[in-house]
C-alpha cells in the first residue's frame, strides 16, 4: 500500500491497535536522527514525548540550532514554516497540514501588501504568528516574549507597523509609549475570554491571582495581576507565593504548570462562546500521537517552501534572534 497525505492534511493510513506508538516514535527518533519540537498548547502526551517543549521564541531558537537531520514539529503550520526557514537543509514535518492558526490566517499576504503600501515610511514588525509570505514583507519578527525589546530597538521617531495581532500590538504600544499602526488581526482563542467570567472567578476565588497572555483583549488585560508570554506565565506561577491562579491562555500550558507546581491550583477562564467553557485551540489539538507516528514513519507531510521565500523570510527572523541575544 502506498502511503499518501490525504485531503484531510495528514497521512491517512491504518495503524494496528497493538502498535506501541511511543516506543516506535522513540525508535524512529534514534534511527532517523530526528528531533521532536512541541509547543505548550498541544495535548499533554505529545508534550511528554518531545525533546523540547516551549513557546514560539524557544522553538525558533531550537530549530535554528539543532543538529538533527529531521525536525518533527508538533504545533501549527507557521511554526513548522519557521523551522524550515531557519533550517532550510533539513526535512521538516508537521503531523497535520491543516493545523493552522487563526491569527496567521487573519493577515493574508496580498491584503497586507496593500496595507503596507499605505505607509511607505514605516518599518514593519510582525509577530511570529504569521505566514512565511508575510514574513518576507517584514523588517523584524517578534514574539510575545521579546516584543518590547524588538520595538524599542527602533528609534522613537521611526514610524512602525505591527502585524498581525492588534491586541498584542496595543499592549506593546501601552508599554512603550509608541503609536504603531496595527493590523486588525486576533487569535480566536485569546479574544474569546469572558470578562464577566473572569470577574466571577475572581470573586469566587479571592485568593487567586489572575494571569493573562498579551494576545487577550484590553479589558481582560486590565484585570490581570501578571501579563506575559506563555513561558513568562509558566515562570510566574513557579515563583509566585500564591497557591491558586486563574489563567487566560490556551489550556495546554496547564500540563506544564501542574508538573512544575503540583501543589498549586490552576483555573481556566471561560469563553464567551456558551458552547465552550474551555480555552482550547482546535488547530493545536489536531495533532495526535498516531499522526506523529505516521508522519515519522513515512516522513510526510513535509513543509516545502520556495527558496526565495525562505531566503527573504529568514532575514527578519535572524534579526529577532540576534536582538534576543543582545
C-alpha atoms as a PDB file:
ATOM      1  CA  UNK A   1       0.000   0.000   0.000  1.00  0.00           C
ATOM      2  CA  UNK A   2       1.357   3.441  -0.941  1.00  0.00           C
ATOM      3  CA  UNK A   3       1.282   5.991   1.814  1.00  0.00           C
ATOM      4  CA  UNK A   4      -0.421   9.275   0.966  1.00  0.00           C
ATOM      5  CA  UNK A   5      -1.167  12.579   2.598  1.00  0.00           C
ATOM      6  CA  UNK A   6      -4.932  12.651   2.257  1.00  0.00           C
ATOM      7  CA  UNK A   7      -7.123  15.641   1.622  1.00  0.00           C
ATOM      8  CA  UNK A   8      -7.547  15.657   5.387  1.00  0.00           C
ATOM      9  CA  UNK A   9      -4.000  17.025   5.653  1.00  0.00           C
ATOM     10  CA  UNK A  10      -2.215  14.035   7.187  1.00  0.00           C
ATOM     11  CA  UNK A  11      -1.048  10.515   6.367  1.00  0.00           C
ATOM     12  CA  UNK A  12      -4.328   8.614   6.444  1.00  0.00           C
ATOM     13  CA  UNK A  13      -3.166   5.051   6.970  1.00  0.00           C
ATOM     14  CA  UNK A  14      -4.471   2.368   9.321  1.00  0.00           C
ATOM     15  CA  UNK A  15      -2.434   1.656  12.441  1.00  0.00           C
ATOM     16  CA  UNK A  16      -2.816  -1.650  14.226  1.00  0.00           C
ATOM     17  CA  UNK A  17      -4.190  -1.248  17.772  1.00  0.00           C
ATOM     18  CA  UNK A  18      -1.230  -3.291  19.014  1.00  0.00           C
ATOM     19  CA  UNK A  19       1.461  -0.887  17.772  1.00  0.00           C
ATOM     20  CA  UNK A  20       3.305   0.687  20.757  1.00  0.00           C
ATOM     21  CA  UNK A  21       3.246   4.220  19.376  1.00  0.00           C
ATOM     22  CA  UNK A  22       5.557   5.886  21.871  1.00  0.00           C
ATOM     23  CA  UNK A  23       8.140   3.114  21.671  1.00  0.00           C
ATOM     24  CA  UNK A  24       8.078   3.260  17.861  1.00  0.00           C
ATOM     25  CA  UNK A  25       8.352   7.037  17.854  1.00  0.00           C
ATOM     26  CA  UNK A  26      11.402   6.793  20.106  1.00  0.00           C
ATOM     27  CA  UNK A  27      12.933   4.124  17.867  1.00  0.00           C
ATOM     28  CA  UNK A  28      12.447   6.251  14.743  1.00  0.00           C
ATOM     29  CA  UNK A  29      13.767   9.315  16.544  1.00  0.00           C
ATOM     30  CA  UNK A  30      17.056   7.479  17.125  1.00  0.00           C
ATOM     31  CA  UNK A  31      17.283   5.787  13.724  1.00  0.00           C
ATOM     32  CA  UNK A  32      16.372   8.873  11.687  1.00  0.00           C
ATOM     33  CA  UNK A  33      18.340  11.343  13.846  1.00  0.00           C
ATOM     34  CA  UNK A  34      15.137  13.260  14.443  1.00  0.00           C
ATOM     35  CA  UNK A  35      14.267  15.963  16.942  1.00  0.00           C
ATOM     36  CA  UNK A  36      10.708  16.460  18.158  1.00  0.00           C
ATOM     37  CA  UNK A  37       9.724  20.030  18.975  1.00  0.00           C
ATOM     38  CA  UNK A  38       6.423  20.657  20.732  1.00  0.00           C
ATOM     39  CA  UNK A  39       4.503  23.774  21.612  1.00  0.00           C
ATOM     40  CA  UNK A  40       2.966  24.206  25.059  1.00  0.00           C
ATOM     41  CA  UNK A  41      -0.536  24.133  23.583  1.00  0.00           C
ATOM     42  CA  UNK A  42      -0.664  20.549  22.257  1.00  0.00           C
ATOM     43  CA  UNK A  43      -2.026  17.598  24.213  1.00  0.00           C
ATOM     44  CA  UNK A  44      -0.021  16.543  27.318  1.00  0.00           C
ATOM     45  CA  UNK A  45       1.037  13.165  25.888  1.00  0.00           C
ATOM     46  CA  UNK A  46       2.614  14.977  22.922  1.00  0.00           C
ATOM     47  CA  UNK A  47       4.455  17.417  25.150  1.00  0.00           C
ATOM     48  CA  UNK A  48       5.835  14.456  27.077  1.00  0.00           C
ATOM     49  CA  UNK A  49       7.419  12.809  24.003  1.00  0.00           C
ATOM     50  CA  UNK A  50       9.126  15.992  22.808  1.00  0.00           C
ATOM     51  CA  UNK A  51      12.846  16.706  23.010  1.00  0.00           C
ATOM     52  CA  UNK A  52      11.940  20.325  23.646  1.00  0.00           C
ATOM     53  CA  UNK A  53       8.685  21.971  24.741  1.00  0.00           C
ATOM     54  CA  UNK A  54       8.398  25.720  24.539  1.00  0.00           C
ATOM     55  CA  UNK A  55       6.876  28.900  23.190  1.00  0.00           C
ATOM     56  CA  UNK A  56       7.492  30.419  19.772  1.00  0.00           C
ATOM     57  CA  UNK A  57      10.779  32.090  20.701  1.00  0.00           C
ATOM     58  CA  UNK A  58      12.264  28.998  22.317  1.00  0.00           C
ATOM     59  CA  UNK A  59      11.112  26.761  19.492  1.00  0.00           C
ATOM     60  CA  UNK A  60      12.657  29.112  16.915  1.00  0.00           C
ATOM     61  CA  UNK A  61      15.958  29.042  18.775  1.00  0.00           C
ATOM     62  CA  UNK A  62      15.874  25.248  18.897  1.00  0.00           C
ATOM     63  CA  UNK A  63      15.054  24.976  15.190  1.00  0.00           C
ATOM     64  CA  UNK A  64      17.962  27.260  14.345  1.00  0.00           C
ATOM     65  CA  UNK A  65      20.498  25.326  16.418  1.00  0.00           C
ATOM     66  CA  UNK A  66      19.503  21.661  16.084  1.00  0.00           C
ATOM     67  CA  UNK A  67      21.966  19.126  14.687  1.00  0.00           C
ATOM     68  CA  UNK A  68      19.182  16.687  13.809  1.00  0.00           C
ATOM     69  CA  UNK A  69      18.509  15.647  10.211  1.00  0.00           C
ATOM     70  CA  UNK A  70      14.752  15.546  10.675  1.00  0.00           C
ATOM     71  CA  UNK A  71      12.593  18.064  12.545  1.00  0.00           C
ATOM     72  CA  UNK A  72       9.161  16.880  13.673  1.00  0.00           C
ATOM     73  CA  UNK A  73       7.156  19.916  14.693  1.00  0.00           C
ATOM     74  CA  UNK A  74       4.150  19.251  16.903  1.00  0.00           C
ATOM     75  CA  UNK A  75       2.419  22.586  16.669  1.00  0.00           C
ATOM     76  CA  UNK A  76       0.827  24.618  13.902  1.00  0.00           C
ATOM     77  CA  UNK A  77       1.758  25.497  10.346  1.00  0.00           C
ATOM     78  CA  UNK A  78       3.514  28.838  10.804  1.00  0.00           C
ATOM     79  CA  UNK A  79       5.777  27.258  13.452  1.00  0.00           C
ATOM     80  CA  UNK A  80       6.847  24.451  11.125  1.00  0.00           C
ATOM     81  CA  UNK A  81       7.402  27.011   8.366  1.00  0.00           C
ATOM     82  CA  UNK A  82       9.668  28.963  10.696  1.00  0.00           C
ATOM     83  CA  UNK A  83      11.648  25.812  11.461  1.00  0.00           C
ATOM     84  CA  UNK A  84      12.093  25.161   7.737  1.00  0.00           C
ATOM     85  CA  UNK A  85      13.182  28.754   7.123  1.00  0.00           C
ATOM     86  CA  UNK A  86      15.790  28.506   9.885  1.00  0.00           C
ATOM     87  CA  UNK A  87      16.981  25.037   8.814  1.00  0.00           C
ATOM     88  CA  UNK A  88      16.442  25.011   5.035  1.00  0.00           C
ATOM     89  CA  UNK A  89      18.679  21.989   4.518  1.00  0.00           C
ATOM     90  CA  UNK A  90      16.669  19.799   6.906  1.00  0.00           C
ATOM     91  CA  UNK A  91      13.425  17.951   6.362  1.00  0.00           C
ATOM     92  CA  UNK A  92      10.649  19.465   8.489  1.00  0.00           C
ATOM     93  CA  UNK A  93       7.471  17.511   9.186  1.00  0.00           C
ATOM     94  CA  UNK A  94       4.119  18.680  10.526  1.00  0.00           C
ATOM     95  CA  UNK A  95       1.786  15.850  11.599  1.00  0.00           C
ATOM     96  CA  UNK A  96      -1.283  17.601  10.155  1.00  0.00           C
ATOM     97  CA  UNK A  97      -1.037  20.298   7.479  1.00  0.00           C
ATOM     98  CA  UNK A  98      -4.438  21.638   8.496  1.00  0.00           C
ATOM     99  CA  UNK A  99      -3.101  22.613  11.892  1.00  0.00           C
ATOM    100  CA  UNK A 100      -3.248  26.282  11.018  1.00  0.00           C
ATOM    101  CA  UNK A 101      -3.554  29.455  13.079  1.00  0.00           C
ATOM    102  CA  UNK A 102      -6.479  31.875  13.129  1.00  0.00           C
ATOM    103  CA  UNK A 103      -4.110  34.758  13.825  1.00  0.00           C
ATOM    104  CA  UNK A 104      -1.805  33.938  10.908  1.00  0.00           C
ATOM    105  CA  UNK A 105      -4.796  33.462   8.628  1.00  0.00           C
ATOM    106  CA  UNK A 106      -6.173  36.862   9.623  1.00  0.00           C
ATOM    107  CA  UNK A 107      -3.369  38.525   7.641  1.00  0.00           C
ATOM    108  CA  UNK A 108      -3.377  37.311   4.009  1.00  0.00           C
ATOM    109  CA  UNK A 109      -0.116  38.363   2.368  1.00  0.00           C
ATOM    110  CA  UNK A 110      -1.750  40.093  -0.626  1.00  0.00           C
ATOM    111  CA  UNK A 111      -4.010  42.240   1.557  1.00  0.00           C
ATOM    112  CA  UNK A 112      -1.161  43.062   3.904  1.00  0.00           C
ATOM    113  CA  UNK A 113       0.959  44.221   0.946  1.00  0.00           C
ATOM    114  CA  UNK A 114      -1.793  46.692   0.047  1.00  0.00           C
ATOM    115  CA  UNK A 115      -1.987  47.827   3.672  1.00  0.00           C
ATOM    116  CA  UNK A 116       1.769  48.274   3.918  1.00  0.00           C
ATOM    117  CA  UNK A 117       1.842  50.346   0.734  1.00  0.00           C
ATOM    118  CA  UNK A 118      -0.259  52.993   2.500  1.00  0.00           C
ATOM    119  CA  UNK A 119       2.618  53.607   4.944  1.00  0.00           C
ATOM    120  CA  UNK A 120       5.802  53.869   2.837  1.00  0.00           C
ATOM    121  CA  UNK A 121       7.857  55.435   5.643  1.00  0.00           C
ATOM    122  CA  UNK A 122       7.003  52.732   8.190  1.00  0.00           C
ATOM    123  CA  UNK A 123       9.110  49.761   9.218  1.00  0.00           C
ATOM    124  CA  UNK A 124       7.243  46.501   9.798  1.00  0.00           C
ATOM    125  CA  UNK A 125       7.395  44.398  12.944  1.00  0.00           C
ATOM    126  CA  UNK A 126       5.492  41.135  12.582  1.00  0.00           C
ATOM    127  CA  UNK A 127       4.534  38.788  15.345  1.00  0.00           C
ATOM    128  CA  UNK A 128       5.934  35.353  14.569  1.00  0.00           C
ATOM    129  CA  UNK A 129       2.347  34.046  14.298  1.00  0.00           C
ATOM    130  CA  UNK A 130       2.166  34.870  10.597  1.00  0.00           C
ATOM    131  CA  UNK A 131       2.766  33.174   7.259  1.00  0.00           C
ATOM    132  CA  UNK A 132       6.148  32.857   5.566  1.00  0.00           C
ATOM    133  CA  UNK A 133       4.883  35.182   2.824  1.00  0.00           C
ATOM    134  CA  UNK A 134       4.072  37.904   5.336  1.00  0.00           C
ATOM    135  CA  UNK A 135       7.488  37.457   6.935  1.00  0.00           C
ATOM    136  CA  UNK A 136       9.061  38.379   3.574  1.00  0.00           C
ATOM    137  CA  UNK A 137       7.445  41.846   3.911  1.00  0.00           C
ATOM    138  CA  UNK A 138       8.750  42.313   7.455  1.00  0.00           C
ATOM    139  CA  UNK A 139      11.778  44.160   8.804  1.00  0.00           C
ATOM    140  CA  UNK A 140      11.992  42.175  12.030  1.00  0.00           C
ATOM    141  CA  UNK A 141       9.954  39.406  13.660  1.00  0.00           C
ATOM    142  CA  UNK A 142       8.997  39.353  17.322  1.00  0.00           C
ATOM    143  CA  UNK A 143       7.334  37.010  19.795  1.00  0.00           C
ATOM    144  CA  UNK A 144       5.273  37.910  22.842  1.00  0.00           C
ATOM    145  CA  UNK A 145       8.386  37.197  24.922  1.00  0.00           C
ATOM    146  CA  UNK A 146      10.589  39.778  23.204  1.00  0.00           C
ATOM    147  CA  UNK A 147       8.135  42.216  21.559  1.00  0.00           C
ATOM    148  CA  UNK A 148       9.019  45.163  23.821  1.00  0.00           C
ATOM    149  CA  UNK A 149      12.740  44.678  23.198  1.00  0.00           C
ATOM    150  CA  UNK A 150      12.213  44.448  19.426  1.00  0.00           C
ATOM    151  CA  UNK A 151      10.024  47.548  19.298  1.00  0.00           C
ATOM    152  CA  UNK A 152      12.453  49.548  21.412  1.00  0.00           C
ATOM    153  CA  UNK A 153      15.331  48.585  19.117  1.00  0.00           C
ATOM    154  CA  UNK A 154      13.913  51.154  16.681  1.00  0.00           C
ATOM    155  CA  UNK A 155      14.435  54.905  17.191  1.00  0.00           C
ATOM    156  CA  UNK A 156      11.489  56.663  18.827  1.00  0.00           C
ATOM    157  CA  UNK A 157      10.885  58.713  15.701  1.00  0.00           C
ATOM    158  CA  UNK A 158      10.699  55.682  13.407  1.00  0.00           C
ATOM    159  CA  UNK A 159       7.064  55.016  12.379  1.00  0.00           C
ATOM    160  CA  UNK A 160       6.141  51.363  12.787  1.00  0.00           C
ATOM    161  CA  UNK A 161       3.534  48.896  11.581  1.00  0.00           C
ATOM    162  CA  UNK A 162       2.737  45.979  13.880  1.00  0.00           C
ATOM    163  CA  UNK A 163       1.074  42.872  12.479  1.00  0.00           C
ATOM    164  CA  UNK A 164      -0.953  40.742  12.698  1.00  0.00           C
ATOM    165  CA  UNK A 165      -2.154  40.819  16.344  1.00  0.00           C
ATOM    166  CA  UNK A 166      -3.906  44.071  17.258  1.00  0.00           C
ATOM    167  CA  UNK A 167      -4.226  43.062  20.920  1.00  0.00           C
ATOM    168  CA  UNK A 168      -0.523  42.386  21.398  1.00  0.00           C
ATOM    169  CA  UNK A 169       0.285  45.500  19.370  1.00  0.00           C
ATOM    170  CA  UNK A 170      -1.998  47.641  21.513  1.00  0.00           C
ATOM    171  CA  UNK A 171      -0.442  46.237  24.687  1.00  0.00           C
ATOM    172  CA  UNK A 172       3.085  46.952  23.410  1.00  0.00           C
ATOM    173  CA  UNK A 173       2.036  50.483  22.432  1.00  0.00           C
ATOM    174  CA  UNK A 174       0.912  50.980  26.027  1.00  0.00           C
ATOM    175  CA  UNK A 175       4.195  49.694  27.474  1.00  0.00           C
ATOM    176  CA  UNK A 176       6.474  51.602  25.101  1.00  0.00           C
ATOM    177  CA  UNK A 177       4.524  54.813  24.523  1.00  0.00           C
ATOM    178  CA  UNK A 178       4.574  54.130  20.783  1.00  0.00           C
ATOM    179  CA  UNK A 179       1.769  54.694  18.315  1.00  0.00           C
ATOM    180  CA  UNK A 180       2.353  51.763  15.995  1.00  0.00           C
ATOM    181  CA  UNK A 181      -0.124  51.264  13.183  1.00  0.00           C
ATOM    182  CA  UNK A 182      -1.876  47.970  13.927  1.00  0.00           C
ATOM    183  CA  UNK A 183      -3.132  45.350  11.517  1.00  0.00           C
ATOM    184  CA  UNK A 184      -6.625  44.218  12.522  1.00  0.00           C
ATOM    185  CA  UNK A 185      -5.949  40.580  13.430  1.00  0.00           C
ATOM    186  CA  UNK A 186      -6.510  38.451  16.522  1.00  0.00           C
ATOM    187  CA  UNK A 187      -6.283  34.925  17.940  1.00  0.00           C
ATOM    188  CA  UNK A 188      -9.646  33.201  18.122  1.00  0.00           C
ATOM    189  CA  UNK A 189      -8.765  31.632  21.485  1.00  0.00           C
ATOM    190  CA  UNK A 190      -7.420  34.692  23.268  1.00  0.00           C
ATOM    191  CA  UNK A 191     -10.078  37.135  22.092  1.00  0.00           C
ATOM    192  CA  UNK A 192     -12.954  34.976  23.331  1.00  0.00           C
ATOM    193  CA  UNK A 193     -12.267  35.098  27.040  1.00  0.00           C
ATOM    194  CA  UNK A 194     -15.227  36.363  29.014  1.00  0.00           C
ATOM    195  CA  UNK A 195     -14.604  39.440  31.189  1.00  0.00           C
ATOM    196  CA  UNK A 196     -17.749  38.611  33.129  1.00  0.00           C
ATOM    197  CA  UNK A 197     -16.474  35.080  33.640  1.00  0.00           C
ATOM    198  CA  UNK A 198     -13.123  36.371  34.885  1.00  0.00           C
ATOM    199  CA  UNK A 199     -14.751  38.759  37.355  1.00  0.00           C
ATOM    200  CA  UNK A 200     -16.969  35.933  38.622  1.00  0.00           C
ATOM    201  CA  UNK A 201     -13.955  33.652  39.094  1.00  0.00           C
ATOM    202  CA  UNK A 202     -12.031  36.382  40.911  1.00  0.00           C
ATOM    203  CA  UNK A 203     -14.972  36.863  43.261  1.00  0.00           C
ATOM    204  CA  UNK A 204     -15.292  33.115  43.779  1.00  0.00           C
ATOM    205  CA  UNK A 205     -11.535  32.726  44.356  1.00  0.00           C
ATOM    206  CA  UNK A 206     -10.341  35.919  46.083  1.00  0.00           C
ATOM    207  CA  UNK A 207      -7.081  34.176  46.998  1.00  0.00           C
ATOM    208  CA  UNK A 208      -6.227  33.551  43.332  1.00  0.00           C
ATOM    209  CA  UNK A 209      -4.024  35.649  41.060  1.00  0.00           C
ATOM    210  CA  UNK A 210      -5.281  36.304  37.552  1.00  0.00           C
ATOM    211  CA  UNK A 211      -2.622  35.944  34.834  1.00  0.00           C
ATOM    212  CA  UNK A 212      -3.078  36.527  31.104  1.00  0.00           C
ATOM    213  CA  UNK A 213      -1.357  36.326  27.744  1.00  0.00           C
ATOM    214  CA  UNK A 214      -0.972  39.672  25.910  1.00  0.00           C
ATOM    215  CA  UNK A 215      -2.952  38.334  22.933  1.00  0.00           C
ATOM    216  CA  UNK A 216      -6.049  38.847  25.120  1.00  0.00           C
ATOM    217  CA  UNK A 217      -8.235  41.890  24.626  1.00  0.00           C
ATOM    218  CA  UNK A 218      -7.542  45.059  26.633  1.00  0.00           C
ATOM    219  CA  UNK A 219     -10.487  44.696  29.097  1.00  0.00           C
ATOM    220  CA  UNK A 220      -9.109  41.278  30.068  1.00  0.00           C
ATOM    221  CA  UNK A 221      -5.551  42.562  30.472  1.00  0.00           C
ATOM    222  CA  UNK A 222      -6.698  45.416  32.700  1.00  0.00           C
ATOM    223  CA  UNK A 223      -7.832  42.833  35.254  1.00  0.00           C
ATOM    224  CA  UNK A 224      -4.599  40.831  35.260  1.00  0.00           C
ATOM    225  CA  UNK A 225      -2.063  40.654  38.085  1.00  0.00           C
ATOM    226  CA  UNK A 226       0.550  39.497  35.582  1.00  0.00           C
ATOM    227  CA  UNK A 227       0.697  39.668  31.767  1.00  0.00           C
ATOM    228  CA  UNK A 228       3.262  37.691  29.818  1.00  0.00           C
ATOM    229  CA  UNK A 229       4.199  35.195  27.151  1.00  0.00           C
ATOM    230  CA  UNK A 230       3.380  31.551  27.699  1.00  0.00           C
ATOM    231  CA  UNK A 231       6.832  30.921  29.142  1.00  0.00           C
ATOM    232  CA  UNK A 232       6.523  34.037  31.306  1.00  0.00           C
ATOM    233  CA  UNK A 233       3.218  32.766  32.713  1.00  0.00           C
ATOM    234  CA  UNK A 234       4.832  29.415  33.480  1.00  0.00           C
ATOM    235  CA  UNK A 235       7.756  31.045  35.261  1.00  0.00           C
ATOM    236  CA  UNK A 236       5.444  33.379  37.155  1.00  0.00           C
ATOM    237  CA  UNK A 237       3.361  30.605  38.726  1.00  0.00           C
ATOM    238  CA  UNK A 238       6.571  28.886  39.823  1.00  0.00           C
ATOM    239  CA  UNK A 239       7.931  31.997  41.551  1.00  0.00           C
ATOM    240  CA  UNK A 240       4.722  33.432  42.981  1.00  0.00           C
ATOM    241  CA  UNK A 241       3.861  32.538  46.579  1.00  0.00           C
ATOM    242  CA  UNK A 242       0.193  32.262  45.557  1.00  0.00           C
ATOM    243  CA  UNK A 243      -1.318  28.782  45.548  1.00  0.00           C
ATOM    244  CA  UNK A 244      -4.114  29.445  43.093  1.00  0.00           C
ATOM    245  CA  UNK A 245      -4.203  31.037  39.630  1.00  0.00           C
ATOM    246  CA  UNK A 246      -6.899  31.990  37.137  1.00  0.00           C
ATOM    247  CA  UNK A 247      -5.278  31.610  33.724  1.00  0.00           C
ATOM    248  CA  UNK A 248      -6.242  33.294  30.448  1.00  0.00           C
ATOM    249  CA  UNK A 249      -4.376  31.483  27.730  1.00  0.00           C
ATOM    250  CA  UNK A 250      -4.624  28.203  25.841  1.00  0.00           C
ATOM    251  CA  UNK A 251      -5.283  25.256  28.139  1.00  0.00           C
ATOM    252  CA  UNK A 252      -2.292  23.193  27.008  1.00  0.00           C
ATOM    253  CA  UNK A 253       0.038  25.157  29.293  1.00  0.00           C
ATOM    254  CA  UNK A 254      -1.766  23.725  32.333  1.00  0.00           C
ATOM    255  CA  UNK A 255       0.138  20.464  31.854  1.00  0.00           C
ATOM    256  CA  UNK A 256       3.494  22.169  32.361  1.00  0.00           C
ATOM    257  CA  UNK A 257       2.154  24.326  35.178  1.00  0.00           C
ATOM    258  CA  UNK A 258       0.895  21.283  37.069  1.00  0.00           C
ATOM    259  CA  UNK A 259       4.183  19.451  36.530  1.00  0.00           C
ATOM    260  CA  UNK A 260       6.190  22.425  37.779  1.00  0.00           C
ATOM    261  CA  UNK A 261       3.824  23.253  40.662  1.00  0.00           C
ATOM    262  CA  UNK A 262       1.998  20.071  41.730  1.00  0.00           C
ATOM    263  CA  UNK A 263       0.617  21.680  44.872  1.00  0.00           C
ATOM    264  CA  UNK A 264      -0.968  24.657  43.135  1.00  0.00           C
ATOM    265  CA  UNK A 265      -4.395  25.072  41.530  1.00  0.00           C
ATOM    266  CA  UNK A 266      -4.977  26.405  38.002  1.00  0.00           C
ATOM    267  CA  UNK A 267      -8.386  27.580  36.854  1.00  0.00           C
ATOM    268  CA  UNK A 268      -9.187  28.117  33.149  1.00  0.00           C
ATOM    269  CA  UNK A 269     -11.040  31.242  32.079  1.00  0.00           C
ATOM    270  CA  UNK A 270     -14.354  30.528  30.328  1.00  0.00           C
ATOM    271  CA  UNK A 271     -15.031  31.562  26.750  1.00  0.00           C
ATOM    272  CA  UNK A 272     -17.780  33.997  25.812  1.00  0.00           C
ATOM    273  CA  UNK A 273     -18.977  31.241  23.484  1.00  0.00           C
ATOM    274  CA  UNK A 274     -21.646  29.450  25.519  1.00  0.00           C
ATOM    275  CA  UNK A 275     -20.957  26.214  23.628  1.00  0.00           C
ATOM    276  CA  UNK A 276     -17.440  26.013  25.030  1.00  0.00           C
ATOM    277  CA  UNK A 277     -16.293  26.634  28.569  1.00  0.00           C
ATOM    278  CA  UNK A 278     -12.718  25.824  27.688  1.00  0.00           C
ATOM    279  CA  UNK A 279      -9.720  27.626  26.210  1.00  0.00           C
ATOM    280  CA  UNK A 280      -8.576  25.114  23.608  1.00  0.00           C
ATOM    281  CA  UNK A 281      -7.011  25.873  20.229  1.00  0.00           C
ATOM    282  CA  UNK A 282      -8.737  23.478  17.841  1.00  0.00           C
ATOM    283  CA  UNK A 283      -5.781  23.706  15.443  1.00  0.00           C
ATOM    284  CA  UNK A 284      -3.235  22.647  18.073  1.00  0.00           C
ATOM    285  CA  UNK A 285      -5.483  19.778  19.073  1.00  0.00           C
ATOM    286  CA  UNK A 286      -5.382  18.358  15.524  1.00  0.00           C
ATOM    287  CA  UNK A 287      -2.009  16.874  16.475  1.00  0.00           C
ATOM    288  CA  UNK A 288      -2.307  13.329  17.830  1.00  0.00           C
ATOM    289  CA  UNK A 289       0.088  10.571  18.832  1.00  0.00           C
ATOM    290  CA  UNK A 290      -0.993   8.459  15.853  1.00  0.00           C
ATOM    291  CA  UNK A 291      -0.374  11.302  13.413  1.00  0.00           C
ATOM    292  CA  UNK A 292       3.096  11.873  14.884  1.00  0.00           C
ATOM    293  CA  UNK A 293       3.863   8.161  14.477  1.00  0.00           C
ATOM    294  CA  UNK A 294       2.651   8.114  10.854  1.00  0.00           C
ATOM    295  CA  UNK A 295       4.448  11.300   9.863  1.00  0.00           C
ATOM    296  CA  UNK A 296       7.722   9.954  11.257  1.00  0.00           C
ATOM    297  CA  UNK A 297       7.241   6.573   9.628  1.00  0.00           C
ATOM    298  CA  UNK A 298       6.527   7.959   6.156  1.00  0.00           C
ATOM    299  CA  UNK A 299       8.269  11.345   6.596  1.00  0.00           C
ATOM    300  CA  UNK A 300       5.136  13.165   5.459  1.00  0.00           C
ATOM    301  CA  UNK A 301       3.579  15.740   5.412  1.00  0.00           C
ATOM    302  CA  UNK A 302       6.716  17.744   4.702  1.00  0.00           C
ATOM    303  CA  UNK A 303       6.915  21.523   4.808  1.00  0.00           C
ATOM    304  CA  UNK A 304       8.031  22.786   1.396  1.00  0.00           C
ATOM    305  CA  UNK A 305       8.685  26.474   0.752  1.00  0.00           C
ATOM    306  CA  UNK A 306      10.100  28.278  -2.316  1.00  0.00           C
ATOM    307  CA  UNK A 307      13.811  29.058  -1.877  1.00  0.00           C
ATOM    308  CA  UNK A 308      13.300  32.784  -2.455  1.00  0.00           C
ATOM    309  CA  UNK A 309      10.595  32.938   0.221  1.00  0.00           C
ATOM    310  CA  UNK A 310      12.832  31.148   2.713  1.00  0.00           C
ATOM    311  CA  UNK A 311      15.738  33.469   1.919  1.00  0.00           C
ATOM    312  CA  UNK A 312      13.660  36.649   2.375  1.00  0.00           C
ATOM    313  CA  UNK A 313      11.770  35.404   5.435  1.00  0.00           C
ATOM    314  CA  UNK A 314      14.951  34.281   7.155  1.00  0.00           C
ATOM    315  CA  UNK A 315      16.316  37.850   7.372  1.00  0.00           C
ATOM    316  CA  UNK A 316      13.729  39.283   9.826  1.00  0.00           C
ATOM    317  CA  UNK A 317      13.729  36.086  11.896  1.00  0.00           C
ATOM    318  CA  UNK A 318      17.503  36.170  12.281  1.00  0.00           C
ATOM    319  CA  UNK A 319      17.292  39.843  13.237  1.00  0.00           C
ATOM    320  CA  UNK A 320      14.916  38.835  16.014  1.00  0.00           C
ATOM    321  CA  UNK A 321      17.186  36.040  17.220  1.00  0.00           C
ATOM    322  CA  UNK A 322      20.216  38.352  17.189  1.00  0.00           C
ATOM    323  CA  UNK A 323      18.351  41.055  19.125  1.00  0.00           C
ATOM    324  CA  UNK A 324      17.080  38.475  21.610  1.00  0.00           C
ATOM    325  CA  UNK A 325      20.649  37.536  22.490  1.00  0.00           C
ATOM    326  CA  UNK A 326      21.922  41.101  22.880  1.00  0.00           C
END
